[in-house]
Structure formats: C-alpha cells, structure tokens
C-alpha cells in the first residue's frame, strides 16, 4: 500500500509496512489527511506527535534515510540520517531525490494521505 507524504511544497510517495500500527494510521487517513508539526532532532530525524497512540510492534532497528517509524506509540519519526533504536516501522520513502532538502533544518509541517 502507498501513502503520500507532503513536506511543505514537496510531495513524496512511501511504501507502507504490513502491521497493526499501519492499519491504524490508514484508518485515520481514511477520514482525511493527517497533518503533524515535526521538529528536528539530533541532526538526523524529524519527530512529531501524532496526537493519538497506535499499536506498537517495536524491534531494534537501524534506520536509514527515508524510513518512517513510530516512536513510543504516539510519535512519527522520519529519517534523513541513521539511528539505532527500538521502533515500529511504518514505511519507507520510495524516491529520496530532494528528501533531505525538503526536510530542511527547522520545523516542518507534514501531511500524510492515502494513495501515491
């Protein structure tokens, strides 16, 4: 399944994982796009509160640029660098062209919607 990820004026497509957290996120997106404010953290990721908790299936993961994960059940993290931690994988950006530039160095508004 695909999801559209809009970061400011840039639009990306992500391939979603098959797990309970993604099922819950898809259910949210079926009611309309989900927009969250994301802040830079540690120079390798953007993190934003989802406003609700999703089911977790955390496993120790080494992320890479383009990975989208769930942290602590209620925060979405998008990577433009790498980190090792326990996350629930949500999806991966299909084409990383201009991904790092779109995320920039400050806070960003990100909208997730179905399709792609």
PDB file of N, CA and C in Angstrom:
ATOM      1  N   UNK A   1       0.844  -1.183   0.000  1.00  0.00           N
ATOM      2  CA  UNK A   1       0.000   0.000   0.000  1.00  0.00           C
ATOM      3  C   UNK A   1       0.891   1.249   0.000  1.00  0.00           C
ATOM      4  N   UNK A   2       0.407   2.283  -0.639  1.00  0.00           N
ATOM      5  CA  UNK A   2       1.168   3.526  -0.761  1.00  0.00           C
ATOM      6  C   UNK A   2       0.534   4.655   0.049  1.00  0.00           C
ATOM      7  N   UNK A   3       1.373   5.581   0.461  1.00  0.00           N
ATOM      8  CA  UNK A   3       0.938   6.764   1.186  1.00  0.00           C
ATOM      9  C   UNK A   3       1.663   7.958   0.588  1.00  0.00           C
ATOM     10  N   UNK A   4       0.964   9.097   0.506  1.00  0.00           N
ATOM     11  CA  UNK A   4       1.584  10.336   0.049  1.00  0.00           C
ATOM     12  C   UNK A   4       2.066  11.103   1.279  1.00  0.00           C
ATOM     13  N   UNK A   5       3.297  11.604   1.197  1.00  0.00           N
ATOM     14  CA  UNK A   5       3.900  12.381   2.282  1.00  0.00           C
ATOM     15  C   UNK A   5       4.228  13.755   1.721  1.00  0.00           C
ATOM     16  N   UNK A   6       3.522  14.772   2.193  1.00  0.00           N
ATOM     17  CA  UNK A   6       3.791  16.133   1.720  1.00  0.00           C
ATOM     18  C   UNK A   6       4.553  16.884   2.797  1.00  0.00           C
ATOM     19  N   UNK A   7       5.754  17.352   2.425  1.00  0.00           N
ATOM     20  CA  UNK A   7       6.611  18.126   3.317  1.00  0.00           C
ATOM     21  C   UNK A   7       6.703  19.517   2.722  1.00  0.00           C
ATOM     22  N   UNK A   8       5.997  20.473   3.316  1.00  0.00           N
ATOM     23  CA  UNK A   8       5.959  21.810   2.726  1.00  0.00           C
ATOM     24  C   UNK A   8       5.385  21.726   1.328  1.00  0.00           C
ATOM     25  N   UNK A   9       6.163  22.188   0.332  1.00  0.00           N
ATOM     26  CA  UNK A   9       5.712  22.156  -1.066  1.00  0.00           C
ATOM     27  C   UNK A   9       6.135  20.884  -1.802  1.00  0.00           C
ATOM     28  N   UNK A  10       6.894  20.019  -1.155  1.00  0.00           N
ATOM     29  CA  UNK A  10       7.407  18.807  -1.804  1.00  0.00           C
ATOM     30  C   UNK A  10       6.538  17.605  -1.466  1.00  0.00           C
ATOM     31  N   UNK A  11       6.294  16.755  -2.469  1.00  0.00           N
ATOM     32  CA  UNK A  11       5.460  15.574  -2.279  1.00  0.00           C
ATOM     33  C   UNK A  11       6.268  14.319  -2.585  1.00  0.00           C
ATOM     34  N   UNK A  12       6.133  13.335  -1.707  1.00  0.00           N
ATOM     35  CA  UNK A  12       6.841  12.060  -1.834  1.00  0.00           C
ATOM     36  C   UNK A  12       5.838  10.922  -1.695  1.00  0.00           C
ATOM     37  N   UNK A  13       6.215   9.757  -2.211  1.00  0.00           N
ATOM     38  CA  UNK A  13       5.411   8.552  -2.061  1.00  0.00           C
ATOM     39  C   UNK A  13       6.165   7.594  -1.154  1.00  0.00           C
ATOM     40  N   UNK A  14       5.427   6.953  -0.242  1.00  0.00           N
ATOM     41  CA  UNK A  14       6.032   5.972   0.654  1.00  0.00           C
ATOM     42  C   UNK A  14       5.312   4.638   0.506  1.00  0.00           C
ATOM     43  N   UNK A  15       6.070   3.555   0.604  1.00  0.00           N
ATOM     44  CA  UNK A  15       5.505   2.218   0.645  1.00  0.00           C
ATOM     45  C   UNK A  15       5.324   1.842   2.108  1.00  0.00           C
ATOM     46  N   UNK A  16       4.092   1.454   2.469  1.00  0.00           N
ATOM     47  CA  UNK A  16       3.773   1.152   3.859  1.00  0.00           C
ATOM     48  C   UNK A  16       4.086  -0.296   4.217  1.00  0.00           C
ATOM     49  N   UNK A  17       4.409  -0.510   5.492  1.00  0.00           N
ATOM     50  CA  UNK A  17       4.611  -1.845   6.042  1.00  0.00           C
ATOM     51  C   UNK A  17       3.249  -2.511   6.256  1.00  0.00           C
ATOM     52  N   UNK A  18       3.272  -3.769   6.607  1.00  0.00           N
ATOM     53  CA  UNK A  18       2.048  -4.511   6.911  1.00  0.00           C
ATOM     54  C   UNK A  18       2.073  -4.849   8.396  1.00  0.00           C
ATOM     55  N   UNK A  19       1.474  -3.960   9.219  1.00  0.00           N
ATOM     56  CA  UNK A  19       1.397  -4.218  10.656  1.00  0.00           C
ATOM     57  C   UNK A  19       0.212  -3.450  11.253  1.00  0.00           C
ATOM     58  N   UNK A  20      -0.059  -3.675  12.529  1.00  0.00           N
ATOM     59  CA  UNK A  20      -1.226  -3.082  13.184  1.00  0.00           C
ATOM     60  C   UNK A  20      -1.131  -1.559  13.264  1.00  0.00           C
ATOM     61  N   UNK A  21       0.079  -1.030  13.438  1.00  0.00           N
ATOM     62  CA  UNK A  21       0.246   0.429  13.501  1.00  0.00           C
ATOM     63  C   UNK A  21      -0.129   1.064  12.169  1.00  0.00           C
ATOM     64  N   UNK A  22       0.304   0.469  11.060  1.00  0.00           N
ATOM     65  CA  UNK A  22      -0.041   0.985   9.734  1.00  0.00           C
ATOM     66  C   UNK A  22      -1.545   0.873   9.513  1.00  0.00           C
ATOM     67  N   UNK A  23      -2.141  -0.243   9.929  1.00  0.00           N
ATOM     68  CA  UNK A  23      -3.595  -0.385   9.788  1.00  0.00           C
ATOM     69  C   UNK A  23      -4.319   0.753  10.491  1.00  0.00           C
ATOM     70  N   UNK A  24      -3.868   1.100  11.701  1.00  0.00           N
ATOM     71  CA  UNK A  24      -4.498   2.183  12.468  1.00  0.00           C
ATOM     72  C   UNK A  24      -4.259   3.539  11.805  1.00  0.00           C
ATOM     73  N   UNK A  25      -3.059   3.753  11.261  1.00  0.00           N
ATOM     74  CA  UNK A  25      -2.753   5.001  10.566  1.00  0.00           C
ATOM     75  C   UNK A  25      -3.599   5.130   9.302  1.00  0.00           C
ATOM     76  N   UNK A  26      -3.724   4.048   8.552  1.00  0.00           N
ATOM     77  CA  UNK A  26      -4.552   4.052   7.339  1.00  0.00           C
ATOM     78  C   UNK A  26      -6.003   4.388   7.700  1.00  0.00           C
ATOM     79  N   UNK A  27      -6.492   3.824   8.796  1.00  0.00           N
ATOM     80  CA  UNK A  27      -7.857   4.122   9.236  1.00  0.00           C
ATOM     81  C   UNK A  27      -8.013   5.616   9.526  1.00  0.00           C
ATOM     82  N   UNK A  28      -7.004   6.230  10.147  1.00  0.00           N
ATOM     83  CA  UNK A  28      -7.034   7.679  10.389  1.00  0.00           C
ATOM     84  C   UNK A  28      -7.083   8.443   9.071  1.00  0.00           C
ATOM     85  N   UNK A  29      -6.247   8.025   8.097  1.00  0.00           N
ATOM     86  CA  UNK A  29      -6.167   8.727   6.822  1.00  0.00           C
ATOM     87  C   UNK A  29      -7.428   8.545   5.981  1.00  0.00           C
ATOM     88  N   UNK A  30      -8.176   7.477   6.232  1.00  0.00           N
ATOM     89  CA  UNK A  30      -9.440   7.276   5.511  1.00  0.00           C
ATOM     90  C   UNK A  30     -10.453   8.364   5.856  1.00  0.00           C
ATOM     91  N   UNK A  31     -10.267   9.019   6.999  1.00  0.00           N
ATOM     92  CA  UNK A  31     -11.148  10.119   7.417  1.00  0.00           C
ATOM     93  C   UNK A  31     -10.629  11.471   6.947  1.00  0.00           C
ATOM     94  N   UNK A  32      -9.478  11.468   6.279  1.00  0.00           N
ATOM     95  CA  UNK A  32      -8.884  12.700   5.772  1.00  0.00           C
ATOM     96  C   UNK A  32      -7.392  12.718   6.057  1.00  0.00           C
ATOM     97  N   UNK A  33      -6.665  13.606   5.385  1.00  0.00           N
ATOM     98  CA  UNK A  33      -5.217  13.692   5.582  1.00  0.00           C
ATOM     99  C   UNK A  33      -4.867  13.966   7.045  1.00  0.00           C
ATOM    100  N   UNK A  34      -3.722  13.432   7.461  1.00  0.00           N
ATOM    101  CA  UNK A  34      -3.214  13.623   8.822  1.00  0.00           C
ATOM    102  C   UNK A  34      -2.016  14.562   8.744  1.00  0.00           C
ATOM    103  N   UNK A  35      -2.136  15.731   9.368  1.00  0.00           N
ATOM    104  CA  UNK A  35      -1.052  16.720   9.344  1.00  0.00           C
ATOM    105  C   UNK A  35      -0.459  16.858  10.737  1.00  0.00           C
ATOM    106  N   UNK A  36       0.869  16.785  10.817  1.00  0.00           N
ATOM    107  CA  UNK A  36       1.549  16.978  12.094  1.00  0.00           C
ATOM    108  C   UNK A  36       2.717  17.930  11.924  1.00  0.00           C
ATOM    109  N   UNK A  37       3.028  18.636  12.992  1.00  0.00           N
ATOM    110  CA  UNK A  37       4.194  19.514  13.025  1.00  0.00           C
ATOM    111  C   UNK A  37       5.380  18.680  13.500  1.00  0.00           C
ATOM    112  N   UNK A  38       6.477  18.759  12.761  1.00  0.00           N
ATOM    113  CA  UNK A  38       7.644  17.952  13.100  1.00  0.00           C
ATOM    114  C   UNK A  38       8.838  18.858  13.360  1.00  0.00           C
ATOM    115  N   UNK A  39       9.613  18.488  14.378  1.00  0.00           N
ATOM    116  CA  UNK A  39      10.798  19.242  14.761  1.00  0.00           C
ATOM    117  C   UNK A  39      12.039  18.416  14.507  1.00  0.00           C
ATOM    118  N   UNK A  40      13.137  19.106  14.241  1.00  0.00           N
ATOM    119  CA  UNK A  40      14.404  18.438  14.030  1.00  0.00           C
ATOM    120  C   UNK A  40      14.921  17.893  15.355  1.00  0.00           C
ATOM    121  N   UNK A  41      15.499  16.701  15.301  1.00  0.00           N
ATOM    122  CA  UNK A  41      16.095  16.114  16.490  1.00  0.00           C
ATOM    123  C   UNK A  41      17.440  15.510  16.127  1.00  0.00           C
ATOM    124  N   UNK A  42      18.479  15.982  16.774  1.00  0.00           N
ATOM    125  CA  UNK A  42      19.828  15.402  16.704  1.00  0.00           C
ATOM    126  C   UNK A  42      20.466  15.433  15.317  1.00  0.00           C
ATOM    127  N   UNK A  43      19.907  16.179  14.383  1.00  0.00           N
ATOM    128  CA  UNK A  43      20.537  16.316  13.074  1.00  0.00           C
ATOM    129  C   UNK A  43      20.391  15.130  12.159  1.00  0.00           C
ATOM    130  N   UNK A  44      19.466  14.194  12.467  1.00  0.00           N
ATOM    131  CA  UNK A  44      19.269  13.061  11.564  1.00  0.00           C
ATOM    132  C   UNK A  44      17.810  12.647  11.410  1.00  0.00           C
ATOM    133  N   UNK A  45      16.884  13.325  12.126  1.00  0.00           N
ATOM    134  CA  UNK A  45      15.490  12.934  12.033  1.00  0.00           C
ATOM    135  C   UNK A  45      14.568  14.108  12.331  1.00  0.00           C
ATOM    136  N   UNK A  46      13.305  13.956  11.871  1.00  0.00           N
ATOM    137  CA  UNK A  46      12.216  14.865  12.232  1.00  0.00           C
ATOM    138  C   UNK A  46      11.244  14.046  13.063  1.00  0.00           C
ATOM    139  N   UNK A  47      10.762  14.629  14.143  1.00  0.00           N
ATOM    140  CA  UNK A  47       9.836  13.917  15.020  1.00  0.00           C
ATOM    141  C   UNK A  47       8.634  14.805  15.309  1.00  0.00           C
ATOM    142  N   UNK A  48       7.438  14.186  15.341  1.00  0.00           N
ATOM    143  CA  UNK A  48       6.221  14.935  15.621  1.00  0.00           C
ATOM    144  C   UNK A  48       5.185  14.077  16.317  1.00  0.00           C
ATOM    145  N   UNK A  49       4.452  14.695  17.232  1.00  0.00           N
ATOM    146  CA  UNK A  49       3.401  13.993  17.966  1.00  0.00           C
ATOM    147  C   UNK A  49       2.188  13.764  17.082  1.00  0.00           C
ATOM    148  N   UNK A  50       1.693  12.558  17.098  1.00  0.00           N
ATOM    149  CA  UNK A  50       0.546  12.178  16.280  1.00  0.00           C
ATOM    150  C   UNK A  50      -0.777  12.606  16.922  1.00  0.00           C
ATOM    151  N   UNK A  51      -0.777  12.768  18.234  1.00  0.00           N
ATOM    152  CA  UNK A  51      -1.992  13.178  18.923  1.00  0.00           C
ATOM    153  C   UNK A  51      -2.844  12.010  19.380  1.00  0.00           C
ATOM    154  N   UNK A  52      -2.421  10.803  19.063  1.00  0.00           N
ATOM    155  CA  UNK A  52      -3.093   9.581  19.490  1.00  0.00           C
ATOM    156  C   UNK A  52      -2.060   8.467  19.482  1.00  0.00           C
ATOM    157  N   UNK A  53      -2.373   7.379  20.146  1.00  0.00           N
ATOM    158  CA  UNK A  53      -1.437   6.244  20.165  1.00  0.00           C
ATOM    159  C   UNK A  53      -1.869   5.180  19.173  1.00  0.00           C
ATOM    160  N   UNK A  54      -0.892   4.588  18.529  1.00  0.00           N
ATOM    161  CA  UNK A  54      -1.113   3.485  17.599  1.00  0.00           C
ATOM    162  C   UNK A  54      -0.529   2.214  18.219  1.00  0.00           C
ATOM    163  N   UNK A  55      -0.999   1.037  17.795  1.00  0.00           N
ATOM    164  CA  UNK A  55      -0.424  -0.215  18.308  1.00  0.00           C
ATOM    165  C   UNK A  55       1.057  -0.313  17.936  1.00  0.00           C
ATOM    166  N   UNK A  56       1.870  -0.817  18.839  1.00  0.00           N
ATOM    167  CA  UNK A  56       3.299  -0.925  18.567  1.00  0.00           C
ATOM    168  C   UNK A  56       3.713  -2.381  18.390  1.00  0.00           C
ATOM    169  N   UNK A  57       4.745  -2.564  17.602  1.00  0.00           N
ATOM    170  CA  UNK A  57       5.419  -3.865  17.452  1.00  0.00           C
ATOM    171  C   UNK A  57       6.903  -3.538  17.338  1.00  0.00           C
ATOM    172  N   UNK A  58       7.427  -2.899  18.382  1.00  0.00           N
ATOM    173  CA  UNK A  58       8.800  -2.395  18.361  1.00  0.00           C
ATOM    174  C   UNK A  58       9.817  -3.515  18.198  1.00  0.00           C
ATOM    175  N   UNK A  59      10.871  -3.195  17.448  1.00  0.00           N
ATOM    176  CA  UNK A  59      12.024  -4.080  17.359  1.00  0.00           C
ATOM    177  C   UNK A  59      13.253  -3.207  17.162  1.00  0.00           C
ATOM    178  N   UNK A  60      14.384  -3.717  17.617  1.00  0.00           N
ATOM    179  CA  UNK A  60      15.636  -2.976  17.465  1.00  0.00           C
ATOM    180  C   UNK A  60      15.910  -2.802  15.977  1.00  0.00           C
ATOM    181  N   UNK A  61      16.104  -1.571  15.560  1.00  0.00           N
ATOM    182  CA  UNK A  61      16.205  -1.239  14.147  1.00  0.00           C
ATOM    183  C   UNK A  61      17.340  -0.251  13.931  1.00  0.00           C
ATOM    184  N   UNK A  62      18.074  -0.419  12.853  1.00  0.00           N
ATOM    185  CA  UNK A  62      18.993   0.617  12.398  1.00  0.00           C
ATOM    186  C   UNK A  62      18.333   1.271  11.194  1.00  0.00           C
ATOM    187  N   UNK A  63      17.938   2.519  11.372  1.00  0.00           N
ATOM    188  CA  UNK A  63      17.210   3.223  10.319  1.00  0.00           C
ATOM    189  C   UNK A  63      18.161   3.809   9.296  1.00  0.00           C
ATOM    190  N   UNK A  64      17.598   4.194   8.169  1.00  0.00           N
ATOM    191  CA  UNK A  64      18.350   4.914   7.153  1.00  0.00           C
ATOM    192  C   UNK A  64      17.459   6.009   6.579  1.00  0.00           C
ATOM    193  N   UNK A  65      18.039   6.871   5.799  1.00  0.00           N
ATOM    194  CA  UNK A  65      17.281   7.980   5.211  1.00  0.00           C
ATOM    195  C   UNK A  65      16.060   7.439   4.490  1.00  0.00           C
ATOM    196  N   UNK A  66      14.906   8.094   4.738  1.00  0.00           N
ATOM    197  CA  UNK A  66      13.662   7.707   4.098  1.00  0.00           C
ATOM    198  C   UNK A  66      12.776   6.816   4.938  1.00  0.00           C
ATOM    199  N   UNK A  67      13.309   6.282   6.035  1.00  0.00           N
ATOM    200  CA  UNK A  67      12.489   5.435   6.900  1.00  0.00           C
ATOM    201  C   UNK A  67      11.495   6.283   7.686  1.00  0.00           C
ATOM    202  N   UNK A  68      10.281   5.772   7.837  1.00  0.00           N
ATOM    203  CA  UNK A  68       9.231   6.399   8.641  1.00  0.00           C
ATOM    204  C   UNK A  68       8.855   5.382   9.703  1.00  0.00           C
ATOM    205  N   UNK A  69       8.972   5.786  10.974  1.00  0.00           N
ATOM    206  CA  UNK A  69       8.735   4.858  12.068  1.00  0.00           C
ATOM    207  C   UNK A  69       7.828   5.481  13.129  1.00  0.00           C
ATOM    208  N   UNK A  70       7.323   4.630  13.996  1.00  0.00           N
ATOM    209  CA  UNK A  70       6.529   5.042  15.147  1.00  0.00           C
ATOM    210  C   UNK A  70       7.422   4.923  16.377  1.00  0.00           C
ATOM    211  N   UNK A  71       7.448   5.986  17.189  1.00  0.00           N
ATOM    212  CA  UNK A  71       8.257   6.011  18.403  1.00  0.00           C
ATOM    213  C   UNK A  71       7.336   6.207  19.597  1.00  0.00           C
ATOM    214  N   UNK A  72       7.470   5.362  20.607  1.00  0.00           N
ATOM    215  CA  UNK A  72       6.673   5.420  21.832  1.00  0.00           C
ATOM    216  C   UNK A  72       5.171   5.361  21.556  1.00  0.00           C
ATOM    217  N   UNK A  73       4.779   4.836  20.417  1.00  0.00           N
ATOM    218  CA  UNK A  73       3.377   4.622  20.116  1.00  0.00           C
ATOM    219  C   UNK A  73       2.603   5.840  19.648  1.00  0.00           C
ATOM    220  N   UNK A  74       3.163   7.053  19.875  1.00  0.00           N
ATOM    221  CA  UNK A  74       2.377   8.259  19.558  1.00  0.00           C
ATOM    222  C   UNK A  74       3.162   9.344  18.826  1.00  0.00           C
ATOM    223  N   UNK A  75       4.371   9.022  18.360  1.00  0.00           N
ATOM    224  CA  UNK A  75       5.156   9.997  17.616  1.00  0.00           C
ATOM    225  C   UNK A  75       5.641   9.371  16.313  1.00  0.00           C
ATOM    226  N   UNK A  76       5.546  10.151  15.245  1.00  0.00           N
ATOM    227  CA  UNK A  76       6.074   9.694  13.959  1.00  0.00           C
ATOM    228  C   UNK A  76       7.450  10.315  13.773  1.00  0.00           C
ATOM    229  N   UNK A  77       8.385   9.488  13.336  1.00  0.00           N
ATOM    230  CA  UNK A  77       9.749   9.941  13.089  1.00  0.00           C
ATOM    231  C   UNK A  77      10.090   9.637  11.633  1.00  0.00           C
ATOM    232  N   UNK A  78      10.635  10.660  10.948  1.00  0.00           N
ATOM    233  CA  UNK A  78      11.089  10.490   9.562  1.00  0.00           C
ATOM    234  C   UNK A  78      12.588  10.771   9.537  1.00  0.00           C
ATOM    235  N   UNK A  79      13.338   9.861   8.943  1.00  0.00           N
ATOM    236  CA  UNK A  79      14.793   9.956   8.977  1.00  0.00           C
ATOM    237  C   UNK A  79      15.380  10.517   7.697  1.00  0.00           C
ATOM    238  N   UNK A  80      16.384  11.374   7.864  1.00  0.00           N
ATOM    239  CA  UNK A  80      17.239  11.773   6.743  1.00  0.00           C
ATOM    240  C   UNK A  80      18.672  11.380   7.041  1.00  0.00           C
ATOM    241  N   UNK A  81      18.866  10.727   8.170  1.00  0.00           N
ATOM    242  CA  UNK A  81      20.142  10.146   8.574  1.00  0.00           C
ATOM    243  C   UNK A  81      19.874   8.746   9.097  1.00  0.00           C
ATOM    244  N   UNK A  82      20.727   8.283  10.005  1.00  0.00           N
ATOM    245  CA  UNK A  82      20.596   6.926  10.520  1.00  0.00           C
ATOM    246  C   UNK A  82      20.626   6.932  12.044  1.00  0.00           C
ATOM    247  N   UNK A  83      19.938   5.947  12.634  1.00  0.00           N
ATOM    248  CA  UNK A  83      19.919   5.794  14.079  1.00  0.00           C
ATOM    249  C   UNK A  83      19.573   4.347  14.402  1.00  0.00           C
ATOM    250  N   UNK A  84      20.032   3.864  15.549  1.00  0.00           N
ATOM    251  CA  UNK A  84      19.663   2.536  16.024  1.00  0.00           C
ATOM    252  C   UNK A  84      18.849   2.691  17.296  1.00  0.00           C
ATOM    253  N   UNK A  85      17.627   2.138  17.280  1.00  0.00           N
ATOM    254  CA  UNK A  85      16.732   2.260  18.423  1.00  0.00           C
ATOM    255  C   UNK A  85      15.612   1.248  18.235  1.00  0.00           C
ATOM    256  N   UNK A  86      14.706   1.185  19.186  1.00  0.00           N
ATOM    257  CA  UNK A  86      13.569   0.281  19.091  1.00  0.00           C
ATOM    258  C   UNK A  86      12.353   1.049  18.565  1.00  0.00           C
ATOM    259  N   UNK A  87      11.934   0.706  17.354  1.00  0.00           N
ATOM    260  CA  UNK A  87      10.833   1.401  16.681  1.00  0.00           C
ATOM    261  C   UNK A  87       9.846   0.401  16.102  1.00  0.00           C
ATOM    262  N   UNK A  88       8.671   0.905  15.742  1.00  0.00           N
ATOM    263  CA  UNK A  88       7.722   0.171  14.908  1.00  0.00           C
ATOM    264  C   UNK A  88       7.800   0.795  13.519  1.00  0.00           C
ATOM    265  N   UNK A  89       8.182  -0.002  12.536  1.00  0.00           N
ATOM    266  CA  UNK A  89       8.302   0.526  11.171  1.00  0.00           C
ATOM    267  C   UNK A  89       6.927   0.818  10.582  1.00  0.00           C
ATOM    268  N   UNK A  90       6.819   1.995   9.929  1.00  0.00           N
ATOM    269  CA  UNK A  90       5.578   2.365   9.247  1.00  0.00           C
ATOM    270  C   UNK A  90       5.735   2.307   7.737  1.00  0.00           C
ATOM    271  N   UNK A  91       6.866   2.747   7.228  1.00  0.00           N
ATOM    272  CA  UNK A  91       7.055   2.751   5.783  1.00  0.00           C
ATOM    273  C   UNK A  91       8.395   3.328   5.397  1.00  0.00           C
ATOM    274  N   UNK A  92       8.595   3.430   4.086  1.00  0.00           N
ATOM    275  CA  UNK A  92       9.845   3.943   3.531  1.00  0.00           C
ATOM    276  C   UNK A  92       9.535   4.818   2.323  1.00  0.00           C
ATOM    277  N   UNK A  93      10.187   5.963   2.252  1.00  0.00           N
ATOM    278  CA  UNK A  93      10.053   6.853   1.090  1.00  0.00           C
ATOM    279  C   UNK A  93      10.626   6.144  -0.135  1.00  0.00           C
ATOM    280  N   UNK A  94       9.880   6.158  -1.237  1.00  0.00           N
ATOM    281  CA  UNK A  94      10.284   5.429  -2.445  1.00  0.00           C
ATOM    282  C   UNK A  94      11.442   6.088  -3.186  1.00  0.00           C
ATOM    283  N   UNK A  95      11.433   7.399  -3.285  1.00  0.00           N
ATOM    284  CA  UNK A  95      12.453   8.125  -4.047  1.00  0.00           C
ATOM    285  C   UNK A  95      12.982   9.257  -3.174  1.00  0.00           C
ATOM    286  N   UNK A  96      14.256   9.163  -2.784  1.00  0.00           N
ATOM    287  CA  UNK A  96      14.843  10.125  -1.847  1.00  0.00           C
ATOM    288  C   UNK A  96      15.359  11.401  -2.507  1.00  0.00           C
ATOM    289  N   UNK A  97      15.107  11.578  -3.817  1.00  0.00           N
ATOM    290  CA  UNK A  97      15.547  12.791  -4.503  1.00  0.00           C
ATOM    291  C   UNK A  97      14.962  14.013  -3.809  1.00  0.00           C
ATOM    292  N   UNK A  98      15.807  14.889  -3.314  1.00  0.00           N
ATOM    293  CA  UNK A  98      15.475  16.134  -2.604  1.00  0.00           C
ATOM    294  C   UNK A  98      14.796  15.920  -1.244  1.00  0.00           C
ATOM    295  N   UNK A  99      14.852  14.703  -0.704  1.00  0.00           N
ATOM    296  CA  UNK A  99      14.261  14.397   0.605  1.00  0.00           C
ATOM    297  C   UNK A  99      14.894  15.237   1.717  1.00  0.00           C
ATOM    298  N   UNK A 100      16.222  15.225   1.806  1.00  0.00           N
ATOM    299  CA  UNK A 100      16.922  15.973   2.863  1.00  0.00           C
ATOM    300  C   UNK A 100      16.655  17.467   2.722  1.00  0.00           C
ATOM    301  N   UNK A 101      16.646  17.968   1.481  1.00  0.00           N
ATOM    302  CA  UNK A 101      16.395  19.394   1.248  1.00  0.00           C
ATOM    303  C   UNK A 101      14.976  19.772   1.672  1.00  0.00           C
ATOM    304  N   UNK A 102      14.005  18.898   1.407  1.00  0.00           N
ATOM    305  CA  UNK A 102      12.617  19.179   1.762  1.00  0.00           C
ATOM    306  C   UNK A 102      12.448  19.251   3.277  1.00  0.00           C
ATOM    307  N   UNK A 103      13.128  18.364   3.988  1.00  0.00           N
ATOM    308  CA  UNK A 103      13.008  18.363   5.448  1.00  0.00           C
ATOM    309  C   UNK A 103      13.688  19.580   6.061  1.00  0.00           C
ATOM    310  N   UNK A 104      14.774  20.044   5.429  1.00  0.00           N
ATOM    311  CA  UNK A 104      15.434  21.261   5.898  1.00  0.00           C
ATOM    312  C   UNK A 104      16.007  21.115   7.293  1.00  0.00           C
ATOM    313  N   UNK A 105      16.280  22.246   7.931  1.00  0.00           N
ATOM    314  CA  UNK A 105      16.944  22.211   9.230  1.00  0.00           C
ATOM    315  C   UNK A 105      16.025  22.637  10.371  1.00  0.00           C
ATOM    316  N   UNK A 106      14.853  23.160  10.065  1.00  0.00           N
ATOM    317  CA  UNK A 106      13.951  23.626  11.113  1.00  0.00           C
ATOM    318  C   UNK A 106      12.698  22.778  11.199  1.00  0.00           C
ATOM    319  N   UNK A 107      11.667  23.339  11.822  1.00  0.00           N
ATOM    320  CA  UNK A 107      10.391  22.648  11.944  1.00  0.00           C
ATOM    321  C   UNK A 107       9.691  22.602  10.585  1.00  0.00           C
ATOM    322  N   UNK A 108       8.947  21.517  10.358  1.00  0.00           N
ATOM    323  CA  UNK A 108       8.198  21.367   9.118  1.00  0.00           C
ATOM    324  C   UNK A 108       6.797  20.857   9.424  1.00  0.00           C
ATOM    325  N   UNK A 109       5.863  21.185   8.540  1.00  0.00           N
ATOM    326  CA  UNK A 109       4.523  20.637   8.598  1.00  0.00           C
ATOM    327  C   UNK A 109       4.462  19.502   7.584  1.00  0.00           C
ATOM    328  N   UNK A 110       4.013  18.338   8.026  1.00  0.00           N
ATOM    329  CA  UNK A 110       3.982  17.148   7.165  1.00  0.00           C
ATOM    330  C   UNK A 110       2.558  16.608   7.120  1.00  0.00           C
ATOM    331  N   UNK A 111       2.081  16.336   5.905  1.00  0.00           N
ATOM    332  CA  UNK A 111       0.738  15.789   5.731  1.00  0.00           C
ATOM    333  C   UNK A 111       0.843  14.405   5.111  1.00  0.00           C
ATOM    334  N   UNK A 112       0.206  13.438   5.776  1.00  0.00           N
ATOM    335  CA  UNK A 112       0.157  12.054   5.306  1.00  0.00           C
ATOM    336  C   UNK A 112      -1.243  11.799   4.771  1.00  0.00           C
ATOM    337  N   UNK A 113      -1.309  11.194   3.573  1.00  0.00           N
ATOM    338  CA  UNK A 113      -2.610  10.862   2.996  1.00  0.00           C
ATOM    339  C   UNK A 113      -2.493   9.573   2.198  1.00  0.00           C
ATOM    340  N   UNK A 114      -3.636   8.935   1.960  1.00  0.00           N
ATOM    341  CA  UNK A 114      -3.647   7.679   1.228  1.00  0.00           C
ATOM    342  C   UNK A 114      -3.365   7.903  -0.250  1.00  0.00           C
ATOM    343  N   UNK A 115      -2.798   6.885  -0.892  1.00  0.00           N
ATOM    344  CA  UNK A 115      -2.505   6.943  -2.316  1.00  0.00           C
ATOM    345  C   UNK A 115      -1.065   7.319  -2.549  1.00  0.00           C
ATOM    346  N   UNK A 116      -0.712   7.384  -3.825  1.00  0.00           N
ATOM    347  CA  UNK A 116       0.660   7.752  -4.099  1.00  0.00           C
ATOM    348  C   UNK A 116       1.170   7.248  -5.379  1.00  0.00           C
TER     349      UNK A 116
END
